[in-house]
C-alpha cells in the first residue's frame, strides 16, 4: 500500500499536515526532530570513541605478569 504513494501523494500528505497543525507547530516539531537526530549522532560518535579508547588501553597493557613484579621479588623467586 505504501509503495505506491509517489511524489504527488507525499505533497498531498504534507499539505494536509500543515493545514491541520499549522506552520508553526510543524516547524517547531521538525526543529525538535533535528535536535534529536543531532543528539543521537553525538551519542553514537562518543560511544565509538569510548570503545576505541578502551581497545587502545587494552592493547598497551600486554606485559606478562612476571615482568609486573618488582625486581627484588623476581630475584628472590630465582634464588628459591
PDB file of N, CA and C in Angstrom:
ATOM      1  N   UNK A   1       0.823  -1.190   0.000  1.00  0.00           N
ATOM      2  CA  UNK A   1       0.000   0.000   0.000  1.00  0.00           C
ATOM      3  C   UNK A   1       0.869   1.256   0.000  1.00  0.00           C
ATOM      4  N   UNK A   2       1.879   1.309   0.854  1.00  0.00           N
ATOM      5  CA  UNK A   2       2.723   2.499   0.926  1.00  0.00           C
ATOM      6  C   UNK A   2       3.730   2.569  -0.211  1.00  0.00           C
ATOM      7  N   UNK A   3       3.863   1.522  -0.989  1.00  0.00           N
ATOM      8  CA  UNK A   3       4.818   1.525  -2.092  1.00  0.00           C
ATOM      9  C   UNK A   3       4.363   2.403  -3.250  1.00  0.00           C
ATOM     10  N   UNK A   4       3.079   2.718  -3.331  1.00  0.00           N
ATOM     11  CA  UNK A   4       2.542   3.450  -4.480  1.00  0.00           C
ATOM     12  C   UNK A   4       2.182   4.892  -4.152  1.00  0.00           C
ATOM     13  N   UNK A   5       2.800   5.491  -3.135  1.00  0.00           N
ATOM     14  CA  UNK A   5       2.431   6.859  -2.759  1.00  0.00           C
ATOM     15  C   UNK A   5       2.901   7.847  -3.823  1.00  0.00           C
ATOM     16  N   UNK A   6       4.168   7.865  -4.146  1.00  0.00           N
ATOM     17  CA  UNK A   6       4.696   8.771  -5.167  1.00  0.00           C
ATOM     18  C   UNK A   6       4.857  10.180  -4.660  1.00  0.00           C
ATOM     19  N   UNK A   7       5.444  11.048  -5.483  1.00  0.00           N
ATOM     20  CA  UNK A   7       5.700  12.436  -5.062  1.00  0.00           C
ATOM     21  C   UNK A   7       4.423  13.253  -4.860  1.00  0.00           C
ATOM     22  N   UNK A   8       3.409  13.021  -5.666  1.00  0.00           N
ATOM     23  CA  UNK A   8       2.163  13.785  -5.513  1.00  0.00           C
ATOM     24  C   UNK A   8       1.454  13.399  -4.216  1.00  0.00           C
ATOM     25  N   UNK A   9       1.509  12.137  -3.868  1.00  0.00           N
ATOM     26  CA  UNK A   9       0.903  11.697  -2.616  1.00  0.00           C
ATOM     27  C   UNK A   9       1.610  12.291  -1.413  1.00  0.00           C
ATOM     28  N   UNK A  10       2.937  12.328  -1.464  1.00  0.00           N
ATOM     29  CA  UNK A  10       3.702  12.943  -0.369  1.00  0.00           C
ATOM     30  C   UNK A  10       3.394  14.429  -0.245  1.00  0.00           C
ATOM     31  N   UNK A  11       3.255  15.108  -1.374  1.00  0.00           N
ATOM     32  CA  UNK A  11       2.913  16.531  -1.350  1.00  0.00           C
ATOM     33  C   UNK A  11       1.538  16.740  -0.738  1.00  0.00           C
ATOM     34  N   UNK A  12       0.585  15.894  -1.089  1.00  0.00           N
ATOM     35  CA  UNK A  12      -0.763  15.994  -0.532  1.00  0.00           C
ATOM     36  C   UNK A  12      -0.745  15.758   0.980  1.00  0.00           C
ATOM     37  N   UNK A  13       0.007  14.770   1.432  1.00  0.00           N
ATOM     38  CA  UNK A  13       0.116  14.496   2.865  1.00  0.00           C
ATOM     39  C   UNK A  13       0.737  15.689   3.586  1.00  0.00           C
ATOM     40  N   UNK A  14       1.785  16.293   3.007  1.00  0.00           N
ATOM     41  CA  UNK A  14       2.437  17.453   3.620  1.00  0.00           C
ATOM     42  C   UNK A  14       1.463  18.618   3.739  1.00  0.00           C
ATOM     43  N   UNK A  15       0.668  18.858   2.714  1.00  0.00           N
ATOM     44  CA  UNK A  15      -0.305  19.953   2.742  1.00  0.00           C
ATOM     45  C   UNK A  15      -1.348  19.705   3.819  1.00  0.00           C
ATOM     46  N   UNK A  16      -1.844  18.482   3.925  1.00  0.00           N
ATOM     47  CA  UNK A  16      -2.856  18.161   4.936  1.00  0.00           C
ATOM     48  C   UNK A  16      -2.286  18.355   6.346  1.00  0.00           C
ATOM     49  N   UNK A  17      -1.046  17.917   6.561  1.00  0.00           N
ATOM     50  CA  UNK A  17      -0.426  18.075   7.883  1.00  0.00           C
ATOM     51  C   UNK A  17      -0.278  19.547   8.222  1.00  0.00           C
ATOM     52  N   UNK A  18       0.156  20.353   7.264  1.00  0.00           N
ATOM     53  CA  UNK A  18       0.324  21.790   7.514  1.00  0.00           C
ATOM     54  C   UNK A  18      -1.021  22.448   7.804  1.00  0.00           C
ATOM     55  N   UNK A  19      -2.055  22.058   7.092  1.00  0.00           N
ATOM     56  CA  UNK A  19      -3.385  22.640   7.329  1.00  0.00           C
ATOM     57  C   UNK A  19      -3.913  22.244   8.706  1.00  0.00           C
ATOM     58  N   UNK A  20      -3.721  20.979   9.096  1.00  0.00           N
ATOM     59  CA  UNK A  20      -4.244  20.516  10.378  1.00  0.00           C
ATOM     60  C   UNK A  20      -3.501  21.114  11.568  1.00  0.00           C
ATOM     61  N   UNK A  21      -2.198  21.146  11.497  1.00  0.00           N
ATOM     62  CA  UNK A  21      -1.409  21.544  12.661  1.00  0.00           C
ATOM     63  C   UNK A  21      -0.881  22.969  12.592  1.00  0.00           C
ATOM     64  N   UNK A  22      -0.844  23.560  11.462  1.00  0.00           N
ATOM     65  CA  UNK A  22      -0.326  24.913  11.321  1.00  0.00           C
ATOM     66  C   UNK A  22       1.173  24.909  11.086  1.00  0.00           C
ATOM     67  N   UNK A  23       1.624  25.941  10.412  1.00  0.00           N
ATOM     68  CA  UNK A  23       3.034  26.031  10.035  1.00  0.00           C
ATOM     69  C   UNK A  23       3.953  26.126  11.247  1.00  0.00           C
ATOM     70  N   UNK A  24       3.542  26.812  12.278  1.00  0.00           N
ATOM     71  CA  UNK A  24       4.370  26.997  13.473  1.00  0.00           C
ATOM     72  C   UNK A  24       4.607  25.692  14.216  1.00  0.00           C
ATOM     73  N   UNK A  25       3.553  24.894  14.372  1.00  0.00           N
ATOM     74  CA  UNK A  25       3.691  23.618  15.077  1.00  0.00           C
ATOM     75  C   UNK A  25       4.579  22.662  14.293  1.00  0.00           C
ATOM     76  N   UNK A  26       4.375  22.590  12.991  1.00  0.00           N
ATOM     77  CA  UNK A  26       5.177  21.692  12.160  1.00  0.00           C
ATOM     78  C   UNK A  26       6.633  22.129  12.179  1.00  0.00           C
ATOM     79  N   UNK A  27       6.875  23.427  12.127  1.00  0.00           N
ATOM     80  CA  UNK A  27       8.238  23.953  12.152  1.00  0.00           C
ATOM     81  C   UNK A  27       8.932  23.617  13.473  1.00  0.00           C
ATOM     82  N   UNK A  28       8.236  23.811  14.582  1.00  0.00           N
ATOM     83  CA  UNK A  28       8.846  23.503  15.879  1.00  0.00           C
ATOM     84  C   UNK A  28       9.055  21.999  16.040  1.00  0.00           C
ATOM     85  N   UNK A  29       8.138  21.200  15.525  1.00  0.00           N
ATOM     86  CA  UNK A  29       8.287  19.748  15.586  1.00  0.00           C
ATOM     87  C   UNK A  29       9.514  19.300  14.791  1.00  0.00           C
ATOM     88  N   UNK A  30       9.695  19.849  13.613  1.00  0.00           N
ATOM     89  CA  UNK A  30      10.859  19.482  12.794  1.00  0.00           C
ATOM     90  C   UNK A  30      12.159  19.951  13.449  1.00  0.00           C
ATOM     91  N   UNK A  31      12.114  21.093  14.147  1.00  0.00           N
ATOM     92  CA  UNK A  31      13.290  21.548  14.887  1.00  0.00           C
ATOM     93  C   UNK A  31      13.664  20.570  15.992  1.00  0.00           C
ATOM     94  N   UNK A  32      12.655  20.056  16.693  1.00  0.00           N
ATOM     95  CA  UNK A  32      12.903  19.073  17.748  1.00  0.00           C
ATOM     96  C   UNK A  32      13.429  17.766  17.169  1.00  0.00           C
ATOM     97  N   UNK A  33      12.905  17.364  16.030  1.00  0.00           N
ATOM     98  CA  UNK A  33      13.400  16.156  15.368  1.00  0.00           C
ATOM     99  C   UNK A  33      14.867  16.338  14.985  1.00  0.00           C
ATOM    100  N   UNK A  34      15.207  17.497  14.479  1.00  0.00           N
ATOM    101  CA  UNK A  34      16.598  17.790  14.118  1.00  0.00           C
ATOM    102  C   UNK A  34      17.520  17.745  15.326  1.00  0.00           C
ATOM    103  N   UNK A  35      17.067  18.299  16.448  1.00  0.00           N
ATOM    104  CA  UNK A  35      17.871  18.256  17.674  1.00  0.00           C
ATOM    105  C   UNK A  35      18.057  16.818  18.151  1.00  0.00           C
ATOM    106  N   UNK A  36      17.012  16.020  18.027  1.00  0.00           N
ATOM    107  CA  UNK A  36      17.098  14.619  18.424  1.00  0.00           C
ATOM    108  C   UNK A  36      18.088  13.842  17.575  1.00  0.00           C
ATOM    109  N   UNK A  37      18.054  14.083  16.280  1.00  0.00           N
ATOM    110  CA  UNK A  37      18.995  13.410  15.372  1.00  0.00           C
ATOM    111  C   UNK A  37      20.422  13.827  15.692  1.00  0.00           C
ATOM    112  N   UNK A  38      20.625  15.112  15.950  1.00  0.00           N
ATOM    113  CA  UNK A  38      21.961  15.604  16.299  1.00  0.00           C
ATOM    114  C   UNK A  38      22.461  14.971  17.589  1.00  0.00           C
ATOM    115  N   UNK A  39      21.598  14.884  18.591  1.00  0.00           N
ATOM    116  CA  UNK A  39      21.984  14.274  19.867  1.00  0.00           C
ATOM    117  C   UNK A  39      22.303  12.792  19.686  1.00  0.00           C
ATOM    118  N   UNK A  40      21.530  12.115  18.844  1.00  0.00           N
ATOM    119  CA  UNK A  40      21.773  10.700  18.584  1.00  0.00           C
ATOM    120  C   UNK A  40      23.126  10.495  17.909  1.00  0.00           C
ATOM    121  N   UNK A  41      23.421  11.292  16.897  1.00  0.00           N
ATOM    122  CA  UNK A  41      24.711  11.179  16.210  1.00  0.00           C
ATOM    123  C   UNK A  41      25.864  11.473  17.163  1.00  0.00           C
ATOM    124  N   UNK A  42      25.695  12.458  18.035  1.00  0.00           N
ATOM    125  CA  UNK A  42      26.737  12.786  19.010  1.00  0.00           C
ATOM    126  C   UNK A  42      26.961  11.619  19.967  1.00  0.00           C
ATOM    127  N   UNK A  43      25.883  11.007  20.426  1.00  0.00           N
ATOM    128  CA  UNK A  43      25.991   9.858  21.314  1.00  0.00           C
ATOM    129  C   UNK A  43      26.677   8.677  20.657  1.00  0.00           C
ATOM    130  N   UNK A  44      26.359   8.436  19.399  1.00  0.00           N
ATOM    131  CA  UNK A  44      26.992   7.330  18.674  1.00  0.00           C
ATOM    132  C   UNK A  44      28.487   7.587  18.514  1.00  0.00           C
ATOM    133  N   UNK A  45      28.860   8.805  18.151  1.00  0.00           N
ATOM    134  CA  UNK A  45      30.282   9.099  17.961  1.00  0.00           C
ATOM    135  C   UNK A  45      31.039   9.031  19.287  1.00  0.00           C
ATOM    136  N   UNK A  46      30.419   9.484  20.384  1.00  0.00           N
ATOM    137  CA  UNK A  46      31.065   9.379  21.692  1.00  0.00           C
ATOM    138  C   UNK A  46      31.225   7.924  22.108  1.00  0.00           C
ATOM    139  N   UNK A  47      30.237   7.099  21.793  1.00  0.00           N
ATOM    140  CA  UNK A  47      30.329   5.673  22.092  1.00  0.00           C
ATOM    141  C   UNK A  47      31.454   5.009  21.328  1.00  0.00           C
ATOM    142  N   UNK A  48      31.585   5.365  20.051  1.00  0.00           N
ATOM    143  CA  UNK A  48      32.677   4.815  19.237  1.00  0.00           C
ATOM    144  C   UNK A  48      34.030   5.235  19.792  1.00  0.00           C
ATOM    145  N   UNK A  49      34.152   6.511  20.173  1.00  0.00           N
ATOM    146  CA  UNK A  49      35.415   6.999  20.734  1.00  0.00           C
ATOM    147  C   UNK A  49      35.752   6.270  22.026  1.00  0.00           C
ATOM    148  N   UNK A  50      34.747   6.015  22.861  1.00  0.00           N
ATOM    149  CA  UNK A  50      34.981   5.325  24.127  1.00  0.00           C
ATOM    150  C   UNK A  50      35.448   3.889  23.879  1.00  0.00           C
ATOM    151  N   UNK A  51      34.830   3.214  22.924  1.00  0.00           N
ATOM    152  CA  UNK A  51      35.222   1.838  22.603  1.00  0.00           C
ATOM    153  C   UNK A  51      36.644   1.805  22.054  1.00  0.00           C
ATOM    154  N   UNK A  52      36.969   2.745  21.162  1.00  0.00           N
ATOM    155  CA  UNK A  52      38.317   2.793  20.599  1.00  0.00           C
ATOM    156  C   UNK A  52      39.353   3.086  21.685  1.00  0.00           C
ATOM    157  N   UNK A  53      39.007   3.959  22.633  1.00  0.00           N
ATOM    158  CA  UNK A  53      39.925   4.280  23.725  1.00  0.00           C
ATOM    159  C   UNK A  53      40.169   3.046  24.595  1.00  0.00           C
ATOM    160  N   UNK A  54      39.118   2.287  24.891  1.00  0.00           N
ATOM    161  CA  UNK A  54      39.267   1.070  25.686  1.00  0.00           C
ATOM    162  C   UNK A  54      40.128   0.046  24.965  1.00  0.00           C
ATOM    163  N   UNK A  55      39.941  -0.084  23.650  1.00  0.00           N
ATOM    164  CA  UNK A  55      40.753  -1.020  22.873  1.00  0.00           C
ATOM    165  C   UNK A  55      42.217  -0.591  22.881  1.00  0.00           C
ATOM    166  N   UNK A  56      42.472   0.712  22.771  1.00  0.00           N
ATOM    167  CA  UNK A  56      43.848   1.207  22.773  1.00  0.00           C
ATOM    168  C   UNK A  56      44.501   0.956  24.129  1.00  0.00           C
ATOM    169  N   UNK A  57      43.756   1.169  25.212  1.00  0.00           N
ATOM    170  CA  UNK A  57      44.307   0.916  26.544  1.00  0.00           C
ATOM    171  C   UNK A  57      44.587  -0.572  26.744  1.00  0.00           C
ATOM    172  N   UNK A  58      43.715  -1.422  26.245  1.00  0.00           N
ATOM    173  CA  UNK A  58      43.910  -2.862  26.379  1.00  0.00           C
ATOM    174  C   UNK A  58      45.113  -3.317  25.559  1.00  0.00           C
ATOM    175  N   UNK A  59      45.338  -2.685  24.410  1.00  0.00           N
ATOM    176  CA  UNK A  59      46.469  -3.048  23.565  1.00  0.00           C
ATOM    177  C   UNK A  59      47.790  -2.622  24.209  1.00  0.00           C
ATOM    178  N   UNK A  60      47.782  -1.553  24.981  1.00  0.00           N
ATOM    179  CA  UNK A  60      49.008  -1.091  25.633  1.00  0.00           C
ATOM    180  C   UNK A  60      49.392  -1.982  26.807  1.00  0.00           C
ATOM    181  N   UNK A  61      48.430  -2.619  27.438  1.00  0.00           N
ATOM    182  CA  UNK A  61      48.691  -3.425  28.626  1.00  0.00           C
ATOM    183  C   UNK A  61      48.904  -4.889  28.228  1.00  0.00           C
ATOM    184  N   UNK A  62      50.087  -5.190  27.677  1.00  0.00           N
ATOM    185  CA  UNK A  62      50.396  -6.549  27.238  1.00  0.00           C
ATOM    186  C   UNK A  62      51.609  -7.114  27.961  1.00  0.00           C
ATOM    187  N   UNK A  63      51.981  -6.521  29.093  1.00  0.00           N
ATOM    188  CA  UNK A  63      53.158  -7.005  29.820  1.00  0.00           C
ATOM    189  C   UNK A  63      52.830  -8.305  30.539  1.00  0.00           C
ATOM    190  N   UNK A  64      53.716  -9.277  30.492  1.00  0.00           N
ATOM    191  CA  UNK A  64      53.483 -10.522  31.224  1.00  0.00           C
ATOM    192  C   UNK A  64      53.538 -10.285  32.726  1.00  0.00           C
ATOM    193  N   UNK A  65      52.922 -11.178  33.494  1.00  0.00           N
ATOM    194  CA  UNK A  65      52.866 -10.992  34.942  1.00  0.00           C
ATOM    195  C   UNK A  65      54.238 -11.067  35.582  1.00  0.00           C
ATOM    196  N   UNK A  66      55.140 -11.848  35.033  1.00  0.00           N
ATOM    197  CA  UNK A  66      56.466 -11.971  35.636  1.00  0.00           C
ATOM    198  C   UNK A  66      57.232 -10.650  35.555  1.00  0.00           C
ATOM    199  N   UNK A  67      56.924  -9.817  34.577  1.00  0.00           N
ATOM    200  CA  UNK A  67      57.586  -8.520  34.468  1.00  0.00           C
ATOM    201  C   UNK A  67      56.902  -7.464  35.322  1.00  0.00           C
ATOM    202  N   UNK A  68      55.657  -7.724  35.731  1.00  0.00           N
ATOM    203  CA  UNK A  68      54.946  -6.768  36.571  1.00  0.00           C
ATOM    204  C   UNK A  68      55.521  -6.731  37.986  1.00  0.00           C
ATOM    205  N   UNK A  69      56.094  -7.824  38.449  1.00  0.00           N
ATOM    206  CA  UNK A  69      56.623  -7.897  39.818  1.00  0.00           C
ATOM    207  C   UNK A  69      57.861  -7.011  39.939  1.00  0.00           C
ATOM    208  N   UNK A  70      58.119  -6.575  41.154  1.00  0.00           N
ATOM    209  CA  UNK A  70      59.294  -5.749  41.414  1.00  0.00           C
ATOM    210  C   UNK A  70      60.557  -6.583  41.186  1.00  0.00           C
ATOM    211  N   UNK A  71      61.680  -5.970  40.811  1.00  0.00           N
ATOM    212  CA  UNK A  71      62.910  -6.732  40.546  1.00  0.00           C
ATOM    213  C   UNK A  71      63.378  -7.538  41.749  1.00  0.00           C
ATOM    214  N   UNK A  72      63.133  -7.022  42.965  1.00  0.00           N
ATOM    215  CA  UNK A  72      63.569  -7.753  44.159  1.00  0.00           C
ATOM    216  C   UNK A  72      62.787  -9.060  44.302  1.00  0.00           C
ATOM    217  N   UNK A  73      61.477  -9.008  44.025  1.00  0.00           N
ATOM    218  CA  UNK A  73      60.655 -10.214  44.137  1.00  0.00           C
ATOM    219  C   UNK A  73      61.077 -11.247  43.106  1.00  0.00           C
ATOM    220  N   UNK A  74      61.394 -10.813  41.921  1.00  0.00           N
ATOM    221  CA  UNK A  74      61.824 -11.739  40.868  1.00  0.00           C
ATOM    222  C   UNK A  74      63.147 -12.391  41.249  1.00  0.00           C
ATOM    223  N   UNK A  75      64.054 -11.600  41.826  1.00  0.00           N
ATOM    224  CA  UNK A  75      65.358 -12.141  42.240  1.00  0.00           C
ATOM    225  C   UNK A  75      65.186 -13.148  43.355  1.00  0.00           C
ATOM    226  N   UNK A  76      64.270 -12.910  44.300  1.00  0.00           N
ATOM    227  CA  UNK A  76      64.026 -13.841  45.398  1.00  0.00           C
ATOM    228  C   UNK A  76      63.443 -15.149  44.881  1.00  0.00           C
ATOM    229  N   UNK A  77      62.562 -15.066  43.887  1.00  0.00           N
ATOM    230  CA  UNK A  77      61.961 -16.285  43.310  1.00  0.00           C
ATOM    231  C   UNK A  77      63.040 -17.112  42.586  1.00  0.00           C
ATOM    232  N   UNK A  78      63.984 -16.435  41.951  1.00  0.00           N
ATOM    233  CA  UNK A  78      65.051 -17.149  41.250  1.00  0.00           C
ATOM    234  C   UNK A  78      65.972 -17.891  42.218  1.00  0.00           C
ATOM    235  N   UNK A  79      66.227 -17.311  43.420  1.00  0.00           N
ATOM    236  CA  UNK A  79      67.102 -17.924  44.421  1.00  0.00           C
ATOM    237  C   UNK A  79      66.468 -19.167  45.023  1.00  0.00           C
ATOM    238  N   UNK A  80      65.164 -19.166  45.162  1.00  0.00           N
ATOM    239  CA  UNK A  80      64.470 -20.277  45.849  1.00  0.00           C
ATOM    240  C   UNK A  80      64.389 -21.522  45.035  1.00  0.00           C
TER     241      UNK A  80
END
